PDB file of all heavy atoms in Angstrom:
ATOM      1  N   LEU A   1       8.517   4.042 -19.107  1.00  0.00           N
ATOM      2  CA  LEU A   1       8.257   3.327 -17.870  1.00  0.00           C
ATOM      3  C   LEU A   1       8.454   1.835 -18.129  1.00  0.00           C
ATOM      4  O   LEU A   1       7.667   1.197 -18.819  1.00  0.00           O
ATOM      5  CB  LEU A   1       6.830   3.575 -17.380  1.00  0.00           C
ATOM      6  CG  LEU A   1       6.500   5.006 -16.955  1.00  0.00           C
ATOM      7  CD1 LEU A   1       5.035   5.112 -16.601  1.00  0.00           C
ATOM      8  CD2 LEU A   1       7.368   5.424 -15.798  1.00  0.00           C
ATOM      9  N   ASP A   2       9.502   1.296 -17.593  1.00  0.00           N
ATOM     10  CA  ASP A   2       9.759  -0.129 -17.764  1.00  0.00           C
ATOM     11  C   ASP A   2       8.948  -0.927 -16.742  1.00  0.00           C
ATOM     12  O   ASP A   2       8.335  -0.357 -15.831  1.00  0.00           O
ATOM     13  CB  ASP A   2      11.253  -0.430 -17.655  1.00  0.00           C
ATOM     14  CG  ASP A   2      11.840  -0.046 -16.309  1.00  0.00           C
ATOM     15  OD1 ASP A   2      11.152   0.643 -15.544  1.00  0.00           O
ATOM     16  OD2 ASP A   2      12.977  -0.439 -16.019  1.00  0.00           O
ATOM     17  N   PRO A   3       8.901  -2.234 -16.860  1.00  0.00           N
ATOM     18  CA  PRO A   3       8.108  -3.042 -15.923  1.00  0.00           C
ATOM     19  C   PRO A   3       8.556  -2.894 -14.462  1.00  0.00           C
ATOM     20  O   PRO A   3       7.739  -3.016 -13.553  1.00  0.00           O
ATOM     21  CB  PRO A   3       8.326  -4.469 -16.410  1.00  0.00           C
ATOM     22  CG  PRO A   3       8.670  -4.334 -17.840  1.00  0.00           C
ATOM     23  CD  PRO A   3       9.419  -3.044 -17.955  1.00  0.00           C
ATOM     24  N   GLY A   4       9.817  -2.623 -14.229  1.00  0.00           N
ATOM     25  CA  GLY A   4      10.291  -2.433 -12.857  1.00  0.00           C
ATOM     26  C   GLY A   4       9.666  -1.216 -12.205  1.00  0.00           C
ATOM     27  O   GLY A   4       9.315  -1.235 -11.021  1.00  0.00           O
ATOM     28  N   THR A   5       9.504  -0.142 -12.978  1.00  0.00           N
ATOM     29  CA  THR A   5       8.880   1.072 -12.443  1.00  0.00           C
ATOM     30  C   THR A   5       7.416   0.813 -12.106  1.00  0.00           C
ATOM     31  O   THR A   5       6.923   1.242 -11.060  1.00  0.00           O
ATOM     32  CB  THR A   5       8.991   2.211 -13.466  1.00  0.00           C
ATOM     33  OG1 THR A   5      10.353   2.378 -13.834  1.00  0.00           O
ATOM     34  CG2 THR A   5       8.470   3.506 -12.902  1.00  0.00           C
ATOM     35  N   GLY A   6       6.717   0.110 -12.973  1.00  0.00           N
ATOM     36  CA  GLY A   6       5.316  -0.224 -12.693  1.00  0.00           C
ATOM     37  C   GLY A   6       5.182  -1.090 -11.460  1.00  0.00           C
ATOM     38  O   GLY A   6       4.241  -0.938 -10.681  1.00  0.00           O
ATOM     39  N   SER A   7       6.136  -1.997 -11.269  1.00  0.00           N
ATOM     40  CA  SER A   7       6.119  -2.867 -10.102  1.00  0.00           C
ATOM     41  C   SER A   7       6.319  -2.059  -8.824  1.00  0.00           C
ATOM     42  O   SER A   7       5.646  -2.306  -7.818  1.00  0.00           O
ATOM     43  CB  SER A   7       7.210  -3.927 -10.227  1.00  0.00           C
ATOM     44  OG  SER A   7       7.267  -4.718  -9.072  1.00  0.00           O
ATOM     45  N   ILE A   8       7.213  -1.095  -8.853  1.00  0.00           N
ATOM     46  CA  ILE A   8       7.459  -0.253  -7.677  1.00  0.00           C
ATOM     47  C   ILE A   8       6.215   0.579  -7.351  1.00  0.00           C
ATOM     48  O   ILE A   8       5.833   0.715  -6.183  1.00  0.00           O
ATOM     49  CB  ILE A   8       8.693   0.637  -7.895  1.00  0.00           C
ATOM     50  CG1 ILE A   8       9.949  -0.219  -7.896  1.00  0.00           C
ATOM     51  CG2 ILE A   8       8.783   1.724  -6.839  1.00  0.00           C
ATOM     52  CD1 ILE A   8      11.214   0.527  -8.259  1.00  0.00           C
ATOM     53  N   ILE A   9       5.576   1.120  -8.380  1.00  0.00           N
ATOM     54  CA  ILE A   9       4.361   1.912  -8.159  1.00  0.00           C
ATOM     55  C   ILE A   9       3.265   1.025  -7.569  1.00  0.00           C
ATOM     56  O   ILE A   9       2.572   1.414  -6.623  1.00  0.00           O
ATOM     57  CB  ILE A   9       3.903   2.570  -9.473  1.00  0.00           C
ATOM     58  CG1 ILE A   9       4.915   3.640  -9.902  1.00  0.00           C
ATOM     59  CG2 ILE A   9       2.514   3.176  -9.336  1.00  0.00           C
ATOM     60  CD1 ILE A   9       4.691   4.193 -11.282  1.00  0.00           C
ATOM     61  N   PHE A  10       3.108  -0.184  -8.108  1.00  0.00           N
ATOM     62  CA  PHE A  10       2.108  -1.122  -7.599  1.00  0.00           C
ATOM     63  C   PHE A  10       2.386  -1.486  -6.142  1.00  0.00           C
ATOM     64  O   PHE A  10       1.477  -1.523  -5.311  1.00  0.00           O
ATOM     65  CB  PHE A  10       2.096  -2.381  -8.475  1.00  0.00           C
ATOM     66  CG  PHE A  10       1.055  -3.379  -8.073  1.00  0.00           C
ATOM     67  CD1 PHE A  10      -0.295  -3.107  -8.242  1.00  0.00           C
ATOM     68  CD2 PHE A  10       1.425  -4.590  -7.509  1.00  0.00           C
ATOM     69  CE1 PHE A  10      -1.257  -4.031  -7.868  1.00  0.00           C
ATOM     70  CE2 PHE A  10       0.478  -5.506  -7.132  1.00  0.00           C
ATOM     71  CZ  PHE A  10      -0.874  -5.230  -7.310  1.00  0.00           C
ATOM     72  N   GLN A  11       3.646  -1.735  -5.801  1.00  0.00           N
ATOM     73  CA  GLN A  11       4.003  -2.058  -4.418  1.00  0.00           C
ATOM     74  C   GLN A  11       3.721  -0.891  -3.481  1.00  0.00           C
ATOM     75  O   GLN A  11       3.292  -1.080  -2.335  1.00  0.00           O
ATOM     76  CB  GLN A  11       5.470  -2.448  -4.328  1.00  0.00           C
ATOM     77  CG  GLN A  11       5.774  -3.802  -4.899  1.00  0.00           C
ATOM     78  CD  GLN A  11       7.260  -4.126  -4.859  1.00  0.00           C
ATOM     79  OE1 GLN A  11       8.053  -3.396  -4.269  1.00  0.00           O
ATOM     80  NE2 GLN A  11       7.632  -5.228  -5.484  1.00  0.00           N
ATOM     81  N   GLY A  12       3.954   0.318  -3.969  1.00  0.00           N
ATOM     82  CA  GLY A  12       3.648   1.498  -3.163  1.00  0.00           C
ATOM     83  C   GLY A  12       2.170   1.632  -2.872  1.00  0.00           C
ATOM     84  O   GLY A  12       1.761   1.952  -1.750  1.00  0.00           O
ATOM     85  N   ILE A  13       1.357   1.360  -3.886  1.00  0.00           N
ATOM     86  CA  ILE A  13      -0.095   1.429  -3.695  1.00  0.00           C
ATOM     87  C   ILE A  13      -0.549   0.367  -2.700  1.00  0.00           C
ATOM     88  O   ILE A  13      -1.362   0.644  -1.803  1.00  0.00           O
ATOM     89  CB  ILE A  13      -0.813   1.270  -5.055  1.00  0.00           C
ATOM     90  CG1 ILE A  13      -0.546   2.492  -5.938  1.00  0.00           C
ATOM     91  CG2 ILE A  13      -2.307   1.060  -4.866  1.00  0.00           C
ATOM     92  CD1 ILE A  13      -0.982   2.328  -7.371  1.00  0.00           C
ATOM     93  N   ILE A  14      -0.019  -0.842  -2.827  1.00  0.00           N
ATOM     94  CA  ILE A  14      -0.371  -1.918  -1.892  1.00  0.00           C
ATOM     95  C   ILE A  14       0.054  -1.544  -0.464  1.00  0.00           C
ATOM     96  O   ILE A  14      -0.680  -1.780   0.503  1.00  0.00           O
ATOM     97  CB  ILE A  14       0.280  -3.250  -2.318  1.00  0.00           C
ATOM     98  CG1 ILE A  14      -0.289  -3.710  -3.653  1.00  0.00           C
ATOM     99  CG2 ILE A  14       0.109  -4.328  -1.260  1.00  0.00           C
ATOM    100  CD1 ILE A  14      -1.759  -4.008  -3.642  1.00  0.00           C
ATOM    101  N   ALA A  15       1.224  -0.938  -0.317  1.00  0.00           N
ATOM    102  CA  ALA A  15       1.704  -0.548   1.013  1.00  0.00           C
ATOM    103  C   ALA A  15       0.809   0.521   1.632  1.00  0.00           C
ATOM    104  O   ALA A  15       0.516   0.479   2.829  1.00  0.00           O
ATOM    105  CB  ALA A  15       3.144  -0.041   0.918  1.00  0.00           C
ATOM    106  N   VAL A  16       0.365   1.478   0.829  1.00  0.00           N
ATOM    107  CA  VAL A  16      -0.521   2.527   1.346  1.00  0.00           C
ATOM    108  C   VAL A  16      -1.847   1.921   1.791  1.00  0.00           C
ATOM    109  O   VAL A  16      -2.370   2.260   2.868  1.00  0.00           O
ATOM    110  CB  VAL A  16      -0.733   3.627   0.272  1.00  0.00           C
ATOM    111  CG1 VAL A  16      -1.871   4.549   0.638  1.00  0.00           C
ATOM    112  CG2 VAL A  16       0.548   4.412   0.071  1.00  0.00           C
ATOM    113  N   VAL A  17      -2.407   1.016   1.006  1.00  0.00           N
ATOM    114  CA  VAL A  17      -3.680   0.387   1.365  1.00  0.00           C
ATOM    115  C   VAL A  17      -3.525  -0.453   2.632  1.00  0.00           C
ATOM    116  O   VAL A  17      -4.359  -0.385   3.546  1.00  0.00           O
ATOM    117  CB  VAL A  17      -4.210  -0.468   0.188  1.00  0.00           C
ATOM    118  CG1 VAL A  17      -5.392  -1.322   0.619  1.00  0.00           C
ATOM    119  CG2 VAL A  17      -4.593   0.426  -0.978  1.00  0.00           C
ATOM    120  N   ALA A  18      -2.450  -1.244   2.709  1.00  0.00           N
ATOM    121  CA  ALA A  18      -2.237  -2.082   3.893  1.00  0.00           C
ATOM    122  C   ALA A  18      -2.042  -1.232   5.147  1.00  0.00           C
ATOM    123  O   ALA A  18      -2.550  -1.562   6.223  1.00  0.00           O
ATOM    124  CB  ALA A  18      -1.028  -2.992   3.681  1.00  0.00           C
ATOM    125  N   SER A  19      -1.308  -0.137   5.024  1.00  0.00           N
ATOM    126  CA  SER A  19      -1.111   0.758   6.170  1.00  0.00           C
ATOM    127  C   SER A  19      -2.433   1.388   6.598  1.00  0.00           C
ATOM    128  O   SER A  19      -2.706   1.505   7.800  1.00  0.00           O
ATOM    129  CB  SER A  19      -0.111   1.854   5.818  1.00  0.00           C
ATOM    130  OG  SER A  19       1.133   1.300   5.501  1.00  0.00           O
ATOM    131  N   GLY A  20      -3.240   1.785   5.640  1.00  0.00           N
ATOM    132  CA  GLY A  20      -4.537   2.367   5.967  1.00  0.00           C
ATOM    133  C   GLY A  20      -5.439   1.385   6.686  1.00  0.00           C
ATOM    134  O   GLY A  20      -6.112   1.739   7.651  1.00  0.00           O
ATOM    135  N   VAL A  21      -5.439   0.132   6.230  1.00  0.00           N
ATOM    136  CA  VAL A  21      -6.246  -0.893   6.895  1.00  0.00           C
ATOM    137  C   VAL A  21      -5.746  -1.133   8.316  1.00  0.00           C
ATOM    138  O   VAL A  21      -6.544  -1.240   9.256  1.00  0.00           O
ATOM    139  CB  VAL A  21      -6.237  -2.207   6.074  1.00  0.00           C
ATOM    140  CG1 VAL A  21      -6.827  -3.356   6.861  1.00  0.00           C
ATOM    141  CG2 VAL A  21      -6.994  -2.016   4.773  1.00  0.00           C
ATOM    142  N   ALA A  22      -4.431  -1.198   8.494  1.00  0.00           N
ATOM    143  CA  ALA A  22      -3.876  -1.422   9.831  1.00  0.00           C
ATOM    144  C   ALA A  22      -4.223  -0.278  10.777  1.00  0.00           C
ATOM    145  O   ALA A  22      -4.578  -0.503  11.940  1.00  0.00           O
ATOM    146  CB  ALA A  22      -2.365  -1.598   9.741  1.00  0.00           C
ATOM    147  N   ILE A  23      -4.140   0.941  10.297  1.00  0.00           N
ATOM    148  CA  ILE A  23      -4.480   2.103  11.124  1.00  0.00           C
ATOM    149  C   ILE A  23      -5.963   2.076  11.483  1.00  0.00           C
ATOM    150  O   ILE A  23      -6.352   2.333  12.626  1.00  0.00           O
ATOM    151  CB  ILE A  23      -4.091   3.410  10.408  1.00  0.00           C
ATOM    152  CG1 ILE A  23      -2.576   3.532  10.361  1.00  0.00           C
ATOM    153  CG2 ILE A  23      -4.711   4.623  11.077  1.00  0.00           C
ATOM    154  CD1 ILE A  23      -2.076   4.658   9.491  1.00  0.00           C
ATOM    155  N   PHE A  24      -6.807   1.743  10.505  1.00  0.00           N
ATOM    156  CA  PHE A  24      -8.244   1.694  10.759  1.00  0.00           C
ATOM    157  C   PHE A  24      -8.585   0.622  11.785  1.00  0.00           C
ATOM    158  O   PHE A  24      -9.391   0.855  12.699  1.00  0.00           O
ATOM    159  CB  PHE A  24      -9.002   1.430   9.454  1.00  0.00           C
ATOM    160  CG  PHE A  24     -10.479   1.312   9.641  1.00  0.00           C
ATOM    161  CD1 PHE A  24     -11.267   2.441   9.845  1.00  0.00           C
ATOM    162  CD2 PHE A  24     -11.103   0.075   9.636  1.00  0.00           C
ATOM    163  CE1 PHE A  24     -12.627   2.336  10.033  1.00  0.00           C
ATOM    164  CE2 PHE A  24     -12.465  -0.041   9.820  1.00  0.00           C
ATOM    165  CZ  PHE A  24     -13.227   1.090  10.015  1.00  0.00           C
ATOM    166  N   VAL A  25      -7.991  -0.559  11.664  1.00  0.00           N
ATOM    167  CA  VAL A  25      -8.282  -1.652  12.602  1.00  0.00           C
ATOM    168  C   VAL A  25      -7.828  -1.279  14.006  1.00  0.00           C
ATOM    169  O   VAL A  25      -8.543  -1.517  14.990  1.00  0.00           O
ATOM    170  CB  VAL A  25      -7.606  -2.956  12.124  1.00  0.00           C
ATOM    171  CG1 VAL A  25      -7.625  -4.017  13.201  1.00  0.00           C
ATOM    172  CG2 VAL A  25      -8.290  -3.473  10.868  1.00  0.00           C
ATOM    173  N   THR A  26      -6.662  -0.678  14.126  1.00  0.00           N
ATOM    174  CA  THR A  26      -6.162  -0.261  15.437  1.00  0.00           C
ATOM    175  C   THR A  26      -7.078   0.784  16.062  1.00  0.00           C
ATOM    176  O   THR A  26      -7.417   0.704  17.250  1.00  0.00           O
ATOM    177  CB  THR A  26      -4.735   0.298  15.309  1.00  0.00           C
ATOM    178  OG1 THR A  26      -3.912  -0.687  14.697  1.00  0.00           O
ATOM    179  CG2 THR A  26      -4.169   0.671  16.657  1.00  0.00           C
ATOM    180  N   ALA A  27      -7.494   1.760  15.267  1.00  0.00           N
ATOM    181  CA  ALA A  27      -8.385   2.798  15.785  1.00  0.00           C
ATOM    182  C   ALA A  27      -9.736   2.199  16.158  1.00  0.00           C
ATOM    183  O   ALA A  27     -10.333   2.566  17.171  1.00  0.00           O
ATOM    184  CB  ALA A  27      -8.560   3.899  14.752  1.00  0.00           C
ATOM    185  N   TRP A  28     -10.235   1.250  15.352  1.00  0.00           N
ATOM    186  CA  TRP A  28     -11.528   0.627  15.626  1.00  0.00           C
ATOM    187  C   TRP A  28     -11.491  -0.156  16.933  1.00  0.00           C
ATOM    188  O   TRP A  28     -12.439  -0.124  17.709  1.00  0.00           O
ATOM    189  CB  TRP A  28     -11.930  -0.270  14.461  1.00  0.00           C
ATOM    190  CG  TRP A  28     -13.301  -0.845  14.607  1.00  0.00           C
ATOM    191  CD1 TRP A  28     -13.614  -2.138  14.862  1.00  0.00           C
ATOM    192  CD2 TRP A  28     -14.539  -0.142  14.533  1.00  0.00           C
ATOM    193  NE1 TRP A  28     -14.974  -2.298  14.938  1.00  0.00           N
ATOM    194  CE2 TRP A  28     -15.572  -1.081  14.747  1.00  0.00           C
ATOM    195  CE3 TRP A  28     -14.873   1.182  14.313  1.00  0.00           C
ATOM    196  CZ2 TRP A  28     -16.900  -0.718  14.737  1.00  0.00           C
ATOM    197  CZ3 TRP A  28     -16.210   1.531  14.307  1.00  0.00           C
ATOM    198  CH2 TRP A  28     -17.197   0.592  14.517  1.00  0.00           C
ATOM    199  N   LYS A  29     -10.378  -0.853  17.179  1.00  0.00           N
ATOM    200  CA  LYS A  29     -10.259  -1.595  18.444  1.00  0.00           C
ATOM    201  C   LYS A  29     -10.259  -0.638  19.630  1.00  0.00           C
ATOM    202  O   LYS A  29     -10.848  -0.929  20.667  1.00  0.00           O
ATOM    203  CB  LYS A  29      -8.981  -2.435  18.436  1.00  0.00           C
ATOM    204  CG  LYS A  29      -9.079  -3.668  17.582  1.00  0.00           C
ATOM    205  CD  LYS A  29      -7.813  -4.491  17.651  1.00  0.00           C
ATOM    206  CE  LYS A  29      -7.914  -5.716  16.771  1.00  0.00           C
ATOM    207  NZ  LYS A  29      -6.688  -6.522  16.799  1.00  0.00           N
TER     208      LYS A  29
END
């Protein structure tokens, strides 16, 4: 696993968290 692969995995995790927060905020409103 080179640093590029770790970066892609990290970006994927950040995207999942950001999407979850956006969905939660929309549903809460």
